[in-house]
């Protein structure tokens, strides 16, 4: 069996990732993906994948409009299958207990300010 790309695995977990991103920082999301779903990403890669996926999703309706009727049903069927896979993934992960955030908002802000002060001119 061919090895799946990280982006294809990301695509299958997109709904889960969006749910996690509501409650956690990208660092937290990356950590959860690595622990629970064996999807190892950096925060930069996660940001890139979210951008790519959202951009593709926004363009999909325009692409469907440009196809003939015979292709529309095939594309719509694929979209339905993708939604079903996403729902299965969400259902499987809903029962898993999510880790608690490691710090509150005040601690996160203090940590951010500390990091900003420690950056060199090349990092800014």
N, C-alpha and C. Protein backbone atom coordinates (compact mmCIF):
# COMPACT_ATOMS: atom_id res chain seq x y z
N UNK A 1 0.84 -1.17 0.00
CA UNK A 1 0.00 0.00 0.00
C UNK A 1 0.89 1.24 0.00
N UNK A 2 0.51 2.21 -0.80
CA UNK A 2 1.29 3.44 -0.89
C UNK A 2 1.14 4.27 0.38
N UNK A 3 2.21 4.89 0.77
CA UNK A 3 2.18 5.74 1.96
C UNK A 3 1.44 7.03 1.64
N UNK A 4 0.55 7.43 2.55
CA UNK A 4 -0.22 8.65 2.34
C UNK A 4 0.61 9.86 2.71
N UNK A 5 0.34 10.95 2.04
CA UNK A 5 1.05 12.19 2.35
C UNK A 5 0.49 12.78 3.64
N UNK A 6 1.28 13.63 4.25
CA UNK A 6 0.82 14.29 5.46
C UNK A 6 -0.41 15.15 5.18
N UNK A 7 -0.42 15.79 4.02
CA UNK A 7 -1.55 16.66 3.70
C UNK A 7 -2.84 15.86 3.52
N UNK A 8 -2.74 14.67 2.94
CA UNK A 8 -3.96 13.86 2.79
C UNK A 8 -4.47 13.41 4.16
N UNK A 9 -3.56 13.08 5.07
CA UNK A 9 -3.97 12.72 6.43
C UNK A 9 -4.54 13.94 7.14
N UNK A 10 -3.92 15.10 6.92
CA UNK A 10 -4.44 16.35 7.47
C UNK A 10 -5.86 16.61 6.97
N UNK A 11 -6.07 16.40 5.67
CA UNK A 11 -7.38 16.64 5.07
C UNK A 11 -8.45 15.78 5.74
N UNK A 12 -8.12 14.53 6.05
CA UNK A 12 -9.07 13.65 6.72
C UNK A 12 -9.38 14.11 8.14
N UNK A 13 -8.43 14.79 8.77
CA UNK A 13 -8.60 15.24 10.16
C UNK A 13 -8.98 16.71 10.27
N UNK A 14 -9.30 17.35 9.15
CA UNK A 14 -9.52 18.80 9.15
C UNK A 14 -10.57 19.24 10.16
N UNK A 15 -11.70 18.58 10.20
CA UNK A 15 -12.77 18.99 11.13
C UNK A 15 -12.30 18.89 12.58
N UNK A 16 -11.57 17.83 12.89
CA UNK A 16 -11.03 17.65 14.24
C UNK A 16 -10.06 18.78 14.56
N UNK A 17 -9.22 19.11 13.60
CA UNK A 17 -8.22 20.16 13.79
C UNK A 17 -8.90 21.50 14.04
N UNK A 18 -9.94 21.81 13.29
CA UNK A 18 -10.67 23.05 13.48
C UNK A 18 -11.28 23.11 14.89
N UNK A 19 -11.84 21.99 15.34
CA UNK A 19 -12.41 21.95 16.68
C UNK A 19 -11.33 22.18 17.75
N UNK A 20 -10.16 21.58 17.55
CA UNK A 20 -9.07 21.75 18.50
C UNK A 20 -8.55 23.19 18.50
N UNK A 21 -8.51 23.80 17.32
CA UNK A 21 -7.97 25.15 17.18
C UNK A 21 -8.82 26.18 17.92
N UNK A 22 -10.07 25.84 18.19
CA UNK A 22 -10.93 26.76 18.94
C UNK A 22 -10.45 26.87 20.38
N UNK A 23 -9.99 25.76 20.95
CA UNK A 23 -9.63 25.72 22.37
C UNK A 23 -8.13 25.77 22.64
N UNK A 24 -7.32 25.45 21.66
CA UNK A 24 -5.89 25.31 21.89
C UNK A 24 -5.10 26.20 20.93
N UNK A 25 -3.87 26.50 21.33
CA UNK A 25 -2.95 27.18 20.43
C UNK A 25 -2.51 26.18 19.37
N UNK A 26 -1.86 26.68 18.32
CA UNK A 26 -1.38 25.77 17.28
C UNK A 26 -0.36 24.78 17.84
N UNK A 27 0.44 25.23 18.83
CA UNK A 27 1.39 24.31 19.46
C UNK A 27 0.64 23.16 20.12
N UNK A 28 -0.46 23.47 20.80
CA UNK A 28 -1.28 22.45 21.44
C UNK A 28 -1.91 21.51 20.42
N UNK A 29 -2.39 22.07 19.32
CA UNK A 29 -3.01 21.26 18.27
C UNK A 29 -1.97 20.31 17.69
N UNK A 30 -0.77 20.83 17.42
CA UNK A 30 0.30 19.99 16.86
C UNK A 30 0.63 18.85 17.81
N UNK A 31 0.68 19.15 19.09
CA UNK A 31 0.98 18.14 20.11
C UNK A 31 -0.10 17.05 20.14
N UNK A 32 -1.36 17.46 20.10
CA UNK A 32 -2.47 16.50 20.12
C UNK A 32 -2.47 15.64 18.86
N UNK A 33 -2.21 16.25 17.71
CA UNK A 33 -2.17 15.49 16.45
C UNK A 33 -1.07 14.43 16.49
N UNK A 34 0.06 14.80 17.07
CA UNK A 34 1.17 13.84 17.14
C UNK A 34 0.84 12.69 18.09
N UNK A 35 0.23 13.02 19.24
CA UNK A 35 -0.05 11.99 20.24
C UNK A 35 -1.21 11.09 19.85
N UNK A 36 -2.29 11.68 19.37
CA UNK A 36 -3.51 10.91 19.15
C UNK A 36 -3.68 10.38 17.73
N UNK A 37 -3.09 11.07 16.75
CA UNK A 37 -3.36 10.71 15.36
C UNK A 37 -2.10 10.39 14.55
N UNK A 38 -0.96 10.33 15.21
CA UNK A 38 0.31 10.03 14.55
C UNK A 38 0.56 10.92 13.34
N UNK A 39 0.19 12.18 13.45
CA UNK A 39 0.43 13.16 12.40
C UNK A 39 1.38 14.20 12.97
N UNK A 40 2.66 14.09 12.61
CA UNK A 40 3.69 14.97 13.15
C UNK A 40 3.86 16.17 12.21
N UNK A 41 3.53 17.35 12.73
CA UNK A 41 3.64 18.59 11.97
C UNK A 41 4.32 19.64 12.84
N UNK A 42 4.89 20.64 12.19
CA UNK A 42 5.34 21.81 12.92
C UNK A 42 4.20 22.82 12.90
N UNK A 43 4.30 23.85 13.73
CA UNK A 43 3.24 24.86 13.73
C UNK A 43 3.20 25.59 12.39
N UNK A 44 4.35 25.79 11.78
CA UNK A 44 4.41 26.43 10.46
C UNK A 44 3.72 25.59 9.40
N UNK A 45 3.96 24.28 9.45
CA UNK A 45 3.32 23.38 8.49
C UNK A 45 1.82 23.35 8.72
N UNK A 46 1.39 23.33 9.97
CA UNK A 46 -0.04 23.36 10.28
C UNK A 46 -0.68 24.62 9.71
N UNK A 47 -0.05 25.76 9.92
CA UNK A 47 -0.57 27.02 9.39
C UNK A 47 -0.67 26.96 7.87
N UNK A 48 0.36 26.44 7.23
CA UNK A 48 0.39 26.32 5.77
C UNK A 48 -0.74 25.40 5.29
N UNK A 49 -0.89 24.25 5.93
CA UNK A 49 -1.93 23.29 5.54
C UNK A 49 -3.33 23.89 5.71
N UNK A 50 -3.55 24.61 6.82
CA UNK A 50 -4.86 25.24 7.03
C UNK A 50 -5.14 26.24 5.92
N UNK A 51 -4.16 27.03 5.56
CA UNK A 51 -4.32 28.00 4.48
C UNK A 51 -4.65 27.29 3.17
N UNK A 52 -3.86 26.27 2.83
CA UNK A 52 -4.08 25.54 1.57
C UNK A 52 -5.45 24.90 1.53
N UNK A 53 -5.84 24.24 2.62
CA UNK A 53 -7.11 23.54 2.64
C UNK A 53 -8.29 24.51 2.52
N UNK A 54 -8.21 25.63 3.25
CA UNK A 54 -9.29 26.62 3.18
C UNK A 54 -9.37 27.24 1.79
N UNK A 55 -8.22 27.47 1.18
CA UNK A 55 -8.19 28.03 -0.16
C UNK A 55 -8.80 27.05 -1.16
N UNK A 56 -8.44 25.78 -1.06
CA UNK A 56 -9.01 24.75 -1.94
C UNK A 56 -10.52 24.63 -1.74
N UNK A 57 -10.95 24.66 -0.48
CA UNK A 57 -12.37 24.51 -0.18
C UNK A 57 -13.18 25.68 -0.74
N UNK A 58 -12.60 26.87 -0.70
CA UNK A 58 -13.28 28.04 -1.22
C UNK A 58 -13.41 27.97 -2.74
N UNK A 59 -12.42 27.39 -3.42
CA UNK A 59 -12.42 27.33 -4.87
C UNK A 59 -13.24 26.17 -5.41
N UNK A 60 -13.55 25.17 -4.60
CA UNK A 60 -14.25 23.98 -5.06
C UNK A 60 -15.59 24.29 -5.72
N UNK A 61 -16.46 25.13 -5.16
CA UNK A 61 -17.73 25.41 -5.84
C UNK A 61 -17.55 26.01 -7.23
N UNK A 62 -16.55 26.86 -7.42
CA UNK A 62 -16.30 27.44 -8.73
C UNK A 62 -15.85 26.37 -9.72
N UNK A 63 -15.06 25.42 -9.26
CA UNK A 63 -14.60 24.34 -10.12
C UNK A 63 -15.78 23.47 -10.54
N UNK A 64 -16.68 23.18 -9.61
CA UNK A 64 -17.84 22.36 -9.92
C UNK A 64 -18.72 23.05 -10.97
N UNK A 65 -18.89 24.36 -10.87
CA UNK A 65 -19.71 25.09 -11.83
C UNK A 65 -19.13 25.03 -13.23
N UNK A 66 -17.83 24.87 -13.36
CA UNK A 66 -17.18 24.84 -14.66
C UNK A 66 -17.24 23.47 -15.33
N UNK A 67 -17.61 22.42 -14.61
CA UNK A 67 -17.69 21.09 -15.18
C UNK A 67 -19.06 20.85 -15.80
N UNK A 68 -19.13 19.85 -16.67
CA UNK A 68 -20.41 19.44 -17.23
C UNK A 68 -21.22 18.68 -16.20
N UNK A 69 -22.49 18.41 -16.50
CA UNK A 69 -23.38 17.73 -15.57
C UNK A 69 -22.89 16.33 -15.21
N UNK A 70 -22.26 15.62 -16.16
CA UNK A 70 -21.79 14.27 -15.87
C UNK A 70 -20.66 14.27 -14.84
N UNK A 71 -19.86 15.32 -14.81
CA UNK A 71 -18.77 15.42 -13.84
C UNK A 71 -19.25 15.92 -12.48
N UNK A 72 -20.33 16.71 -12.46
CA UNK A 72 -20.83 17.26 -11.21
C UNK A 72 -21.24 16.17 -10.23
N UNK A 73 -21.93 15.15 -10.72
CA UNK A 73 -22.39 14.10 -9.82
C UNK A 73 -21.20 13.34 -9.22
N UNK A 74 -20.16 13.13 -10.01
CA UNK A 74 -18.96 12.45 -9.52
C UNK A 74 -18.27 13.29 -8.44
N UNK A 75 -18.14 14.58 -8.67
CA UNK A 75 -17.51 15.47 -7.70
C UNK A 75 -18.35 15.56 -6.44
N UNK A 76 -19.66 15.69 -6.61
CA UNK A 76 -20.53 15.77 -5.44
C UNK A 76 -20.48 14.48 -4.63
N UNK A 77 -20.40 13.32 -5.31
CA UNK A 77 -20.30 12.04 -4.61
C UNK A 77 -19.00 11.97 -3.81
N UNK A 78 -17.90 12.44 -4.40
CA UNK A 78 -16.63 12.46 -3.69
C UNK A 78 -16.70 13.37 -2.47
N UNK A 79 -17.39 14.50 -2.62
CA UNK A 79 -17.54 15.43 -1.50
C UNK A 79 -18.35 14.79 -0.38
N UNK A 80 -19.42 14.07 -0.74
CA UNK A 80 -20.24 13.37 0.26
C UNK A 80 -19.41 12.32 0.98
N UNK A 81 -18.60 11.57 0.24
CA UNK A 81 -17.74 10.55 0.85
C UNK A 81 -16.72 11.19 1.79
N UNK A 82 -16.17 12.35 1.40
CA UNK A 82 -15.21 13.05 2.25
C UNK A 82 -15.88 13.49 3.55
N UNK A 83 -17.09 14.02 3.46
CA UNK A 83 -17.82 14.45 4.66
C UNK A 83 -18.08 13.26 5.56
N UNK A 84 -18.44 12.11 4.97
CA UNK A 84 -18.69 10.91 5.77
C UNK A 84 -17.42 10.46 6.49
N UNK A 85 -16.27 10.51 5.81
CA UNK A 85 -15.00 10.15 6.44
C UNK A 85 -14.68 11.12 7.58
N UNK A 86 -14.92 12.42 7.33
CA UNK A 86 -14.68 13.42 8.36
C UNK A 86 -15.56 13.18 9.58
N UNK A 87 -16.82 12.84 9.36
CA UNK A 87 -17.73 12.59 10.48
C UNK A 87 -17.30 11.35 11.26
N UNK A 88 -16.82 10.31 10.56
CA UNK A 88 -16.31 9.13 11.24
C UNK A 88 -15.13 9.50 12.12
N UNK A 89 -14.24 10.33 11.59
CA UNK A 89 -13.07 10.75 12.35
C UNK A 89 -13.49 11.54 13.58
N UNK A 90 -14.44 12.45 13.41
CA UNK A 90 -14.90 13.25 14.55
C UNK A 90 -15.54 12.34 15.58
N UNK A 91 -16.36 11.38 15.15
CA UNK A 91 -17.03 10.46 16.06
C UNK A 91 -16.01 9.64 16.84
N UNK A 92 -14.97 9.18 16.15
CA UNK A 92 -13.95 8.36 16.81
C UNK A 92 -13.15 9.16 17.82
N UNK A 93 -12.98 10.45 17.59
CA UNK A 93 -12.16 11.24 18.49
C UNK A 93 -12.98 11.93 19.57
N UNK A 94 -14.30 11.98 19.41
CA UNK A 94 -15.13 12.62 20.43
C UNK A 94 -15.06 11.87 21.75
N UNK A 95 -14.89 10.56 21.70
CA UNK A 95 -14.84 9.76 22.91
C UNK A 95 -13.50 9.87 23.63
N UNK A 96 -12.48 10.33 22.91
CA UNK A 96 -11.16 10.47 23.51
C UNK A 96 -11.15 11.71 24.40
N UNK A 97 -10.51 11.60 25.53
CA UNK A 97 -10.43 12.74 26.44
C UNK A 97 -9.32 13.66 25.97
N UNK A 98 -9.66 14.91 25.76
CA UNK A 98 -8.68 15.89 25.30
C UNK A 98 -7.86 16.39 26.49
N UNK A 99 -6.58 16.67 26.26
CA UNK A 99 -5.76 17.18 27.35
C UNK A 99 -6.20 18.60 27.72
N UNK A 100 -6.00 18.95 28.95
CA UNK A 100 -6.33 20.29 29.43
C UNK A 100 -5.26 21.26 28.93
N UNK A 101 -5.65 22.49 28.63
CA UNK A 101 -4.63 23.47 28.26
C UNK A 101 -3.61 23.60 29.39
N UNK A 102 -2.35 23.76 29.02
CA UNK A 102 -1.28 23.75 30.00
C UNK A 102 -1.12 25.07 30.75
N UNK A 103 -1.65 26.15 30.18
CA UNK A 103 -1.51 27.43 30.86
C UNK A 103 -2.74 28.29 30.59
N UNK A 104 -2.98 29.23 31.50
CA UNK A 104 -4.11 30.12 31.30
C UNK A 104 -3.67 31.30 30.44
N UNK A 105 -4.57 32.20 30.15
CA UNK A 105 -4.29 33.31 29.24
C UNK A 105 -3.21 34.24 29.78
N UNK A 106 -3.21 34.49 31.08
CA UNK A 106 -2.19 35.38 31.65
C UNK A 106 -0.79 34.78 31.54
N UNK A 107 -0.69 33.49 31.80
CA UNK A 107 0.60 32.81 31.67
C UNK A 107 1.07 32.80 30.22
N UNK A 108 0.15 32.58 29.30
CA UNK A 108 0.50 32.56 27.88
C UNK A 108 1.00 33.94 27.43
N UNK A 109 0.33 35.00 27.88
CA UNK A 109 0.74 36.35 27.53
C UNK A 109 2.13 36.66 28.09
N UNK A 110 2.37 36.28 29.34
CA UNK A 110 3.68 36.51 29.95
C UNK A 110 4.77 35.75 29.19
N UNK A 111 4.46 34.52 28.81
CA UNK A 111 5.44 33.72 28.05
C UNK A 111 5.72 34.35 26.70
N UNK A 112 4.67 34.84 26.03
CA UNK A 112 4.84 35.49 24.73
C UNK A 112 5.72 36.72 24.85
N UNK A 113 5.45 37.57 25.86
CA UNK A 113 6.25 38.79 26.04
C UNK A 113 7.70 38.45 26.32
N UNK A 114 7.93 37.40 27.11
CA UNK A 114 9.29 36.98 27.42
C UNK A 114 10.01 36.53 26.15
N UNK A 115 9.33 35.78 25.32
CA UNK A 115 9.94 35.33 24.06
C UNK A 115 10.26 36.52 23.16
N UNK A 116 9.35 37.50 23.10
CA UNK A 116 9.59 38.66 22.26
C UNK A 116 10.81 39.44 22.71
N UNK A 117 11.02 39.53 24.01
CA UNK A 117 12.17 40.26 24.53
C UNK A 117 13.46 39.53 24.25
N UNK A 118 13.42 38.21 24.16
CA UNK A 118 14.63 37.42 23.96
C UNK A 118 14.99 37.23 22.49
N UNK A 119 14.15 37.70 21.58
CA UNK A 119 14.46 37.53 20.15
C UNK A 119 15.56 38.46 19.72
N UNK A 120 16.37 37.98 18.79
CA UNK A 120 17.40 38.84 18.22
C UNK A 120 16.77 39.66 17.09
N UNK A 121 17.52 40.60 16.56
CA UNK A 121 17.00 41.42 15.46
C UNK A 121 16.71 40.58 14.24
N UNK A 122 17.42 39.47 14.06
CA UNK A 122 17.21 38.61 12.89
C UNK A 122 15.92 37.83 12.97
N UNK A 123 15.42 37.60 14.16
CA UNK A 123 14.20 36.83 14.36
C UNK A 123 12.94 37.70 14.23
N UNK A 124 13.07 38.99 14.28
CA UNK A 124 11.89 39.88 14.28
C UNK A 124 11.36 40.12 12.91
